[in-house]
Amino acid sequence: MIAIIDYGLGNLRSVQCALRRVGAESAITADADEISGADGVILPGVGAFWRAMENLRKSDLVNVVLETAKNGKPLLGICLGMQMLFSESDEHGRHEGLGIIPGKVIRFTESLKIPHMGWNEVKHGTPSPLFESVKDGAFFYFAHSYYVVPNDPAVAIGVTDYGKTYASAVQKGNVFGVQFHPERSGPVGLEMLTNFYRLCKTT
């Protein structure tokens, strides 16, 4: 079973629907014990970074996310959920993240159309099982105004061009993050979620 963390922000039902389409059993939950007992965990998110971290703390779910990362269980952050995996964000001031992946979250330059919304290409970076059988240069659906800057460029398993080349997918051990929305990206997104589900079954 894959636990989809419910902390009050995120398109939870669409993630669950996509998982159902790839044959994965899942539960939308804010119960730490249920999350701890899952085979894999998804941290979704839409909205403001500071609010998301505040909600996660108020829901008393920070520790279970950190433990998931520590114990080797597959963890996938989607969109804002990916950004929360990092050390800090400068959205509406400086705010501390989960610190699982060292690095920061910064805003796109004002010279670009913000938010970065719609379909864009994701090119492969460091090889990762999350991209197994996913075509290099496949298009995924994006909706965001901030992007991650990892301290270690090698964690970037996917990169995208929008004004500059940035890390649109990352991996650090058992922890994965994607800036785009695989649940809204059609067959290629389902292919990626199938890969994550496979990792949850074999880890």
C-alpha atoms as a PDB file:
ATOM      1  CA  MET A   1       0.000   0.000   0.000  1.00  0.00           C
ATOM      2  CA  ILE A   2       1.183   3.521  -0.840  1.00  0.00           C
ATOM      3  CA  ALA A   3       0.372   6.268   1.657  1.00  0.00           C
ATOM      4  CA  ILE A   4      -0.541   9.674   0.198  1.00  0.00           C
ATOM      5  CA  ILE A   5       0.114  12.184   2.966  1.00  0.00           C
ATOM      6  CA  ASP A   6      -2.835  14.450   3.724  1.00  0.00           C
ATOM      7  CA  TYR A   7      -1.690  17.651   5.422  1.00  0.00           C
ATOM      8  CA  GLY A   8      -4.364  19.906   3.965  1.00  0.00           C
ATOM      9  CA  LEU A   9      -2.656  20.915   0.705  1.00  0.00           C
ATOM     10  CA  GLY A  10      -2.451  18.938  -2.513  1.00  0.00           C
ATOM     11  CA  ASN A  11      -4.438  17.333  -5.281  1.00  0.00           C
ATOM     12  CA  LEU A  12      -4.783  14.099  -3.346  1.00  0.00           C
ATOM     13  CA  ARG A  13      -7.641  12.497  -5.233  1.00  0.00           C
ATOM     14  CA  SER A  14      -6.010  12.886  -8.631  1.00  0.00           C
ATOM     15  CA  VAL A  15      -2.839  11.250  -7.307  1.00  0.00           C
ATOM     16  CA  GLN A  16      -4.874   8.395  -5.861  1.00  0.00           C
ATOM     17  CA  CYS A  17      -6.817   8.010  -9.104  1.00  0.00           C
ATOM     18  CA  ALA A  18      -3.586   7.788 -11.096  1.00  0.00           C
ATOM     19  CA  LEU A  19      -2.198   5.164  -8.720  1.00  0.00           C
ATOM     20  CA  ARG A  20      -5.389   3.163  -9.082  1.00  0.00           C
ATOM     21  CA  ARG A  21      -4.929   3.212 -12.848  1.00  0.00           C
ATOM     22  CA  VAL A  22      -1.510   1.563 -12.503  1.00  0.00           C
ATOM     23  CA  GLY A  23      -2.880  -1.068 -10.150  1.00  0.00           C
ATOM     24  CA  ALA A  24      -1.494   0.394  -6.920  1.00  0.00           C
ATOM     25  CA  GLU A  25      -3.490   0.297  -3.709  1.00  0.00           C
ATOM     26  CA  SER A  26      -3.231   3.592  -1.849  1.00  0.00           C
ATOM     27  CA  ALA A  27      -4.676   5.499   1.083  1.00  0.00           C
ATOM     28  CA  ILE A  28      -4.997   9.232   1.654  1.00  0.00           C
ATOM     29  CA  THR A  29      -4.015   9.582   5.272  1.00  0.00           C
ATOM     30  CA  ALA A  30      -2.775  11.856   8.038  1.00  0.00           C
ATOM     31  CA  ASP A  31      -2.217   8.925  10.403  1.00  0.00           C
ATOM     32  CA  ALA A  32       1.473   8.547  11.232  1.00  0.00           C
ATOM     33  CA  ASP A  33       1.151   4.836  12.019  1.00  0.00           C
ATOM     34  CA  GLU A  34      -0.548   4.151   8.698  1.00  0.00           C
ATOM     35  CA  ILE A  35       2.140   6.111   6.861  1.00  0.00           C
ATOM     36  CA  SER A  36       4.880   4.226   8.727  1.00  0.00           C
ATOM     37  CA  GLY A  37       3.318   0.907   7.786  1.00  0.00           C
ATOM     38  CA  ALA A  38       2.992   1.690   4.075  1.00  0.00           C
ATOM     39  CA  ASP A  39       5.241   0.187   1.399  1.00  0.00           C
ATOM     40  CA  GLY A  40       5.891   3.648  -0.054  1.00  0.00           C
ATOM     41  CA  VAL A  41       4.934   7.248   0.620  1.00  0.00           C
ATOM     42  CA  ILE A  42       3.916  10.159  -1.611  1.00  0.00           C
ATOM     43  CA  LEU A  43       4.143  13.768  -0.392  1.00  0.00           C
ATOM     44  CA  PRO A  44       2.026  15.859  -2.776  1.00  0.00           C
ATOM     45  CA  GLY A  45       1.441  19.587  -2.555  1.00  0.00           C
ATOM     46  CA  VAL A  46       0.144  22.757  -4.150  1.00  0.00           C
ATOM     47  CA  GLY A  47       0.285  26.281  -2.773  1.00  0.00           C
ATOM     48  CA  ALA A  48       2.776  28.185  -0.635  1.00  0.00           C
ATOM     49  CA  PHE A  49       5.882  26.547   0.824  1.00  0.00           C
ATOM     50  CA  TRP A  50       5.576  28.148   4.270  1.00  0.00           C
ATOM     51  CA  ARG A  51       1.943  27.140   4.621  1.00  0.00           C
ATOM     52  CA  ALA A  52       2.704  23.574   3.582  1.00  0.00           C
ATOM     53  CA  MET A  53       5.493  23.229   6.149  1.00  0.00           C
ATOM     54  CA  GLU A  54       3.304  24.820   8.814  1.00  0.00           C
ATOM     55  CA  ASN A  55       0.485  22.378   8.052  1.00  0.00           C
ATOM     56  CA  LEU A  56       2.876  19.418   8.097  1.00  0.00           C
ATOM     57  CA  ARG A  57       4.163  20.464  11.520  1.00  0.00           C
ATOM     58  CA  LYS A  58       0.667  21.103  12.909  1.00  0.00           C
ATOM     59  CA  SER A  59      -0.390  17.675  11.654  1.00  0.00           C
ATOM     60  CA  ASP A  60       2.605  16.210  13.523  1.00  0.00           C
ATOM     61  CA  LEU A  61       3.812  14.495  10.344  1.00  0.00           C
ATOM     62  CA  VAL A  62       7.334  15.878   9.948  1.00  0.00           C
ATOM     63  CA  ASN A  63       8.945  13.020  11.878  1.00  0.00           C
ATOM     64  CA  VAL A  64       7.208  10.280   9.915  1.00  0.00           C
ATOM     65  CA  VAL A  65       8.390  11.821   6.634  1.00  0.00           C
ATOM     66  CA  LEU A  66      11.951  12.036   7.966  1.00  0.00           C
ATOM     67  CA  GLU A  67      11.767   8.451   9.215  1.00  0.00           C
ATOM     68  CA  THR A  68      10.503   7.266   5.826  1.00  0.00           C
ATOM     69  CA  ALA A  69      13.515   8.862   4.178  1.00  0.00           C
ATOM     70  CA  LYS A  70      15.862   7.396   6.779  1.00  0.00           C
ATOM     71  CA  ASN A  71      14.583   3.812   6.756  1.00  0.00           C
ATOM     72  CA  GLY A  72      14.987   3.251   3.011  1.00  0.00           C
ATOM     73  CA  LYS A  73      11.325   3.181   2.063  1.00  0.00           C
ATOM     74  CA  PRO A  74      10.506   4.843  -1.306  1.00  0.00           C
ATOM     75  CA  LEU A  75       9.363   8.439  -0.832  1.00  0.00           C
ATOM     76  CA  LEU A  76       8.141  10.605  -3.710  1.00  0.00           C
ATOM     77  CA  GLY A  77       7.556  14.352  -3.456  1.00  0.00           C
ATOM     78  CA  ILE A  78       5.376  15.883  -6.165  1.00  0.00           C
ATOM     79  CA  CYS A  79       5.509  19.605  -7.095  1.00  0.00           C
ATOM     80  CA  LEU A  80       5.463  21.510  -3.778  1.00  0.00           C
ATOM     81  CA  GLY A  81       6.055  18.166  -2.095  1.00  0.00           C
ATOM     82  CA  MET A  82       9.371  17.949  -3.941  1.00  0.00           C
ATOM     83  CA  GLN A  83      10.347  21.469  -2.857  1.00  0.00           C
ATOM     84  CA  MET A  84       9.613  20.608   0.780  1.00  0.00           C
ATOM     85  CA  LEU A  85      12.277  17.900   0.650  1.00  0.00           C
ATOM     86  CA  PHE A  86      14.921  20.632   0.384  1.00  0.00           C
ATOM     87  CA  SER A  87      16.633  22.678   3.074  1.00  0.00           C
ATOM     88  CA  GLU A  88      14.916  26.014   2.557  1.00  0.00           C
ATOM     89  CA  SER A  89      12.778  28.201   0.305  1.00  0.00           C
ATOM     90  CA  ASP A  90      12.805  31.937  -0.299  1.00  0.00           C
ATOM     91  CA  GLU A  91       9.069  32.025  -1.070  1.00  0.00           C
ATOM     92  CA  HIS A  92       7.583  34.900   1.010  1.00  0.00           C
ATOM     93  CA  GLY A  93      10.793  35.148   3.044  1.00  0.00           C
ATOM     94  CA  ARG A  94      13.169  32.402   4.122  1.00  0.00           C
ATOM     95  CA  HIS A  95      11.472  29.245   5.367  1.00  0.00           C
ATOM     96  CA  GLU A  96      13.019  25.987   6.519  1.00  0.00           C
ATOM     97  CA  GLY A  97      12.142  22.778   4.687  1.00  0.00           C
ATOM     98  CA  LEU A  98      12.558  19.133   5.625  1.00  0.00           C
ATOM     99  CA  GLY A  99      16.274  19.176   4.791  1.00  0.00           C
ATOM    100  CA  ILE A 100      16.306  15.672   3.316  1.00  0.00           C
ATOM    101  CA  ILE A 101      18.047  16.931   0.184  1.00  0.00           C
ATOM    102  CA  PRO A 102      20.511  19.810   0.736  1.00  0.00           C
ATOM    103  CA  GLY A 103      19.671  22.809  -1.411  1.00  0.00           C
ATOM    104  CA  LYS A 104      17.238  25.671  -1.759  1.00  0.00           C
ATOM    105  CA  VAL A 105      14.077  26.685  -3.576  1.00  0.00           C
ATOM    106  CA  ILE A 106      14.126  29.978  -5.484  1.00  0.00           C
ATOM    107  CA  ARG A 107      11.764  31.935  -7.737  1.00  0.00           C
ATOM    108  CA  PHE A 108      12.029  32.111 -11.499  1.00  0.00           C
ATOM    109  CA  THR A 109      13.274  35.435 -12.805  1.00  0.00           C
ATOM    110  CA  GLU A 110      10.599  38.050 -13.455  1.00  0.00           C
ATOM    111  CA  SER A 111      11.581  38.142 -17.123  1.00  0.00           C
ATOM    112  CA  LEU A 112       9.791  34.807 -17.576  1.00  0.00           C
ATOM    113  CA  LYS A 113       6.076  34.140 -17.624  1.00  0.00           C
ATOM    114  CA  ILE A 114       5.241  33.012 -14.096  1.00  0.00           C
ATOM    115  CA  PRO A 115       3.981  30.522 -13.172  1.00  0.00           C
ATOM    116  CA  HIS A 116       5.691  28.082 -15.481  1.00  0.00           C
ATOM    117  CA  MET A 117       2.521  26.276 -16.523  1.00  0.00           C
ATOM    118  CA  GLY A 118       1.807  23.644 -19.128  1.00  0.00           C
ATOM    119  CA  TRP A 119       3.713  20.918 -20.894  1.00  0.00           C
ATOM    120  CA  ASN A 120       7.491  20.909 -21.021  1.00  0.00           C
ATOM    121  CA  GLU A 121      10.277  18.517 -21.848  1.00  0.00           C
ATOM    122  CA  VAL A 122      12.163  16.554 -19.206  1.00  0.00           C
ATOM    123  CA  LYS A 123      15.595  15.337 -20.242  1.00  0.00           C
ATOM    124  CA  HIS A 124      17.346  12.565 -18.381  1.00  0.00           C
ATOM    125  CA  GLY A 125      20.036  13.430 -15.892  1.00  0.00           C
ATOM    126  CA  THR A 126      21.716  10.980 -13.528  1.00  0.00           C
ATOM    127  CA  PRO A 127      20.274   7.512 -14.277  1.00  0.00           C
ATOM    128  CA  SER A 128      17.361   6.562 -12.022  1.00  0.00           C
ATOM    129  CA  PRO A 129      14.828   3.722 -11.800  1.00  0.00           C
ATOM    130  CA  LEU A 130      12.091   6.367 -11.718  1.00  0.00           C
ATOM    131  CA  PHE A 131      12.792   7.061 -15.407  1.00  0.00           C
ATOM    132  CA  GLU A 132      13.106   3.422 -16.442  1.00  0.00           C
ATOM    133  CA  SER A 133      11.433   3.024 -19.879  1.00  0.00           C
ATOM    134  CA  VAL A 134      10.451   6.732 -19.839  1.00  0.00           C
ATOM    135  CA  LYS A 135      11.625   8.356 -23.053  1.00  0.00           C
ATOM    136  CA  ASP A 136      14.382  10.935 -22.788  1.00  0.00           C
ATOM    137  CA  GLY A 137      12.780  14.286 -23.574  1.00  0.00           C
ATOM    138  CA  ALA A 138       9.251  13.154 -22.669  1.00  0.00           C
ATOM    139  CA  PHE A 139       6.754  15.918 -21.914  1.00  0.00           C
ATOM    140  CA  PHE A 140       5.199  16.330 -18.467  1.00  0.00           C
ATOM    141  CA  TYR A 141       2.728  18.850 -17.051  1.00  0.00           C
ATOM    142  CA  PHE A 142       4.099  21.685 -14.880  1.00  0.00           C
ATOM    143  CA  ALA A 143       2.516  24.394 -12.714  1.00  0.00           C
ATOM    144  CA  HIS A 144       4.990  26.266 -10.487  1.00  0.00           C
ATOM    145  CA  SER A 145       6.725  29.590  -9.861  1.00  0.00           C
ATOM    146  CA  TYR A 146       9.706  28.288  -7.865  1.00  0.00           C
ATOM    147  CA  TYR A 147      12.337  25.680  -8.654  1.00  0.00           C
ATOM    148  CA  VAL A 148      14.945  23.719  -6.710  1.00  0.00           C
ATOM    149  CA  VAL A 149      18.704  24.264  -6.699  1.00  0.00           C
ATOM    150  CA  PRO A 150      20.391  21.179  -5.198  1.00  0.00           C
ATOM    151  CA  ASN A 151      23.774  21.575  -3.531  1.00  0.00           C
ATOM    152  CA  ASP A 152      24.854  18.419  -5.335  1.00  0.00           C
ATOM    153  CA  PRO A 153      24.045  18.580  -9.066  1.00  0.00           C
ATOM    154  CA  ALA A 154      24.309  14.778  -9.263  1.00  0.00           C
ATOM    155  CA  VAL A 155      20.921  14.363  -7.531  1.00  0.00           C
ATOM    156  CA  ALA A 156      19.244  15.755 -10.672  1.00  0.00           C
ATOM    157  CA  ILE A 157      17.741  12.774 -12.509  1.00  0.00           C
ATOM    158  CA  GLY A 158      15.741  15.020 -14.839  1.00  0.00           C
ATOM    159  CA  VAL A 159      16.280  18.557 -16.140  1.00  0.00           C
ATOM    160  CA  THR A 160      14.035  21.051 -17.897  1.00  0.00           C
ATOM    161  CA  ASP A 161      14.661  24.286 -19.763  1.00  0.00           C
ATOM    162  CA  TYR A 162      12.629  27.329 -18.743  1.00  0.00           C
ATOM    163  CA  GLY A 163      14.739  30.436 -18.980  1.00  0.00           C
ATOM    164  CA  LYS A 164      17.563  28.240 -17.718  1.00  0.00           C
ATOM    165  CA  THR A 165      18.167  24.538 -17.227  1.00  0.00           C
ATOM    166  CA  TYR A 166      17.007  23.448 -13.784  1.00  0.00           C
ATOM    167  CA  ALA A 167      16.496  20.188 -11.886  1.00  0.00           C
ATOM    168  CA  SER A 168      12.913  19.079 -12.499  1.00  0.00           C
ATOM    169  CA  ALA A 169      13.397  15.617 -10.955  1.00  0.00           C
ATOM    170  CA  VAL A 170      15.756  14.512  -8.197  1.00  0.00           C
ATOM    171  CA  GLN A 171      16.814  11.409  -6.324  1.00  0.00           C
ATOM    172  CA  LYS A 172      18.816  10.906  -3.157  1.00  0.00           C
ATOM    173  CA  GLY A 173      18.858   7.215  -2.338  1.00  0.00           C
ATOM    174  CA  ASN A 174      15.259   6.124  -1.718  1.00  0.00           C
ATOM    175  CA  VAL A 175      13.939   9.700  -1.878  1.00  0.00           C
ATOM    176  CA  PHE A 176      12.587  11.025  -5.177  1.00  0.00           C
ATOM    177  CA  GLY A 177      11.090  14.359  -6.176  1.00  0.00           C
ATOM    178  CA  VAL A 178       9.453  15.630  -9.344  1.00  0.00           C
ATOM    179  CA  GLN A 179       8.515  19.249  -9.997  1.00  0.00           C
ATOM    180  CA  PHE A 180       5.926  18.265 -12.582  1.00  0.00           C
ATOM    181  CA  HIS A 181       2.657  16.416 -12.002  1.00  0.00           C
ATOM    182  CA  PRO A 182       2.901  12.793 -13.190  1.00  0.00           C
ATOM    183  CA  GLU A 183      -0.746  12.293 -12.218  1.00  0.00           C
ATOM    184  CA  ARG A 184      -1.713  14.938 -14.791  1.00  0.00           C
ATOM    185  CA  SER A 185       0.776  13.938 -17.481  1.00  0.00           C
ATOM    186  CA  GLY A 186      -1.117  11.224 -19.344  1.00  0.00           C
ATOM    187  CA  PRO A 187       0.461   7.867 -20.261  1.00  0.00           C
ATOM    188  CA  VAL A 188       4.032   8.986 -19.604  1.00  0.00           C
ATOM    189  CA  GLY A 189       3.089  10.114 -16.103  1.00  0.00           C
ATOM    190  CA  LEU A 190       1.422   6.770 -15.435  1.00  0.00           C
ATOM    191  CA  GLU A 191       4.578   5.067 -16.664  1.00  0.00           C
ATOM    192  CA  MET A 192       6.590   6.951 -14.068  1.00  0.00           C
ATOM    193  CA  LEU A 193       4.104   6.129 -11.308  1.00  0.00           C
ATOM    194  CA  THR A 194       4.299   2.483 -12.365  1.00  0.00           C
ATOM    195  CA  ASN A 195       8.063   2.667 -11.814  1.00  0.00           C
ATOM    196  CA  PHE A 196       7.547   4.129  -8.349  1.00  0.00           C
ATOM    197  CA  TYR A 197       4.972   1.457  -7.524  1.00  0.00           C
ATOM    198  CA  ARG A 198       7.442  -1.217  -8.631  1.00  0.00           C
ATOM    199  CA  LEU A 199      10.055   0.231  -6.281  1.00  0.00           C
ATOM    200  CA  CYS A 200       7.538   0.132  -3.425  1.00  0.00           C
ATOM    201  CA  LYS A 201       6.884  -3.550  -4.063  1.00  0.00           C
ATOM    202  CA  THR A 202      10.538  -4.564  -4.265  1.00  0.00           C
ATOM    203  CA  THR A 203      12.174  -2.427  -1.566  1.00  0.00           C
END
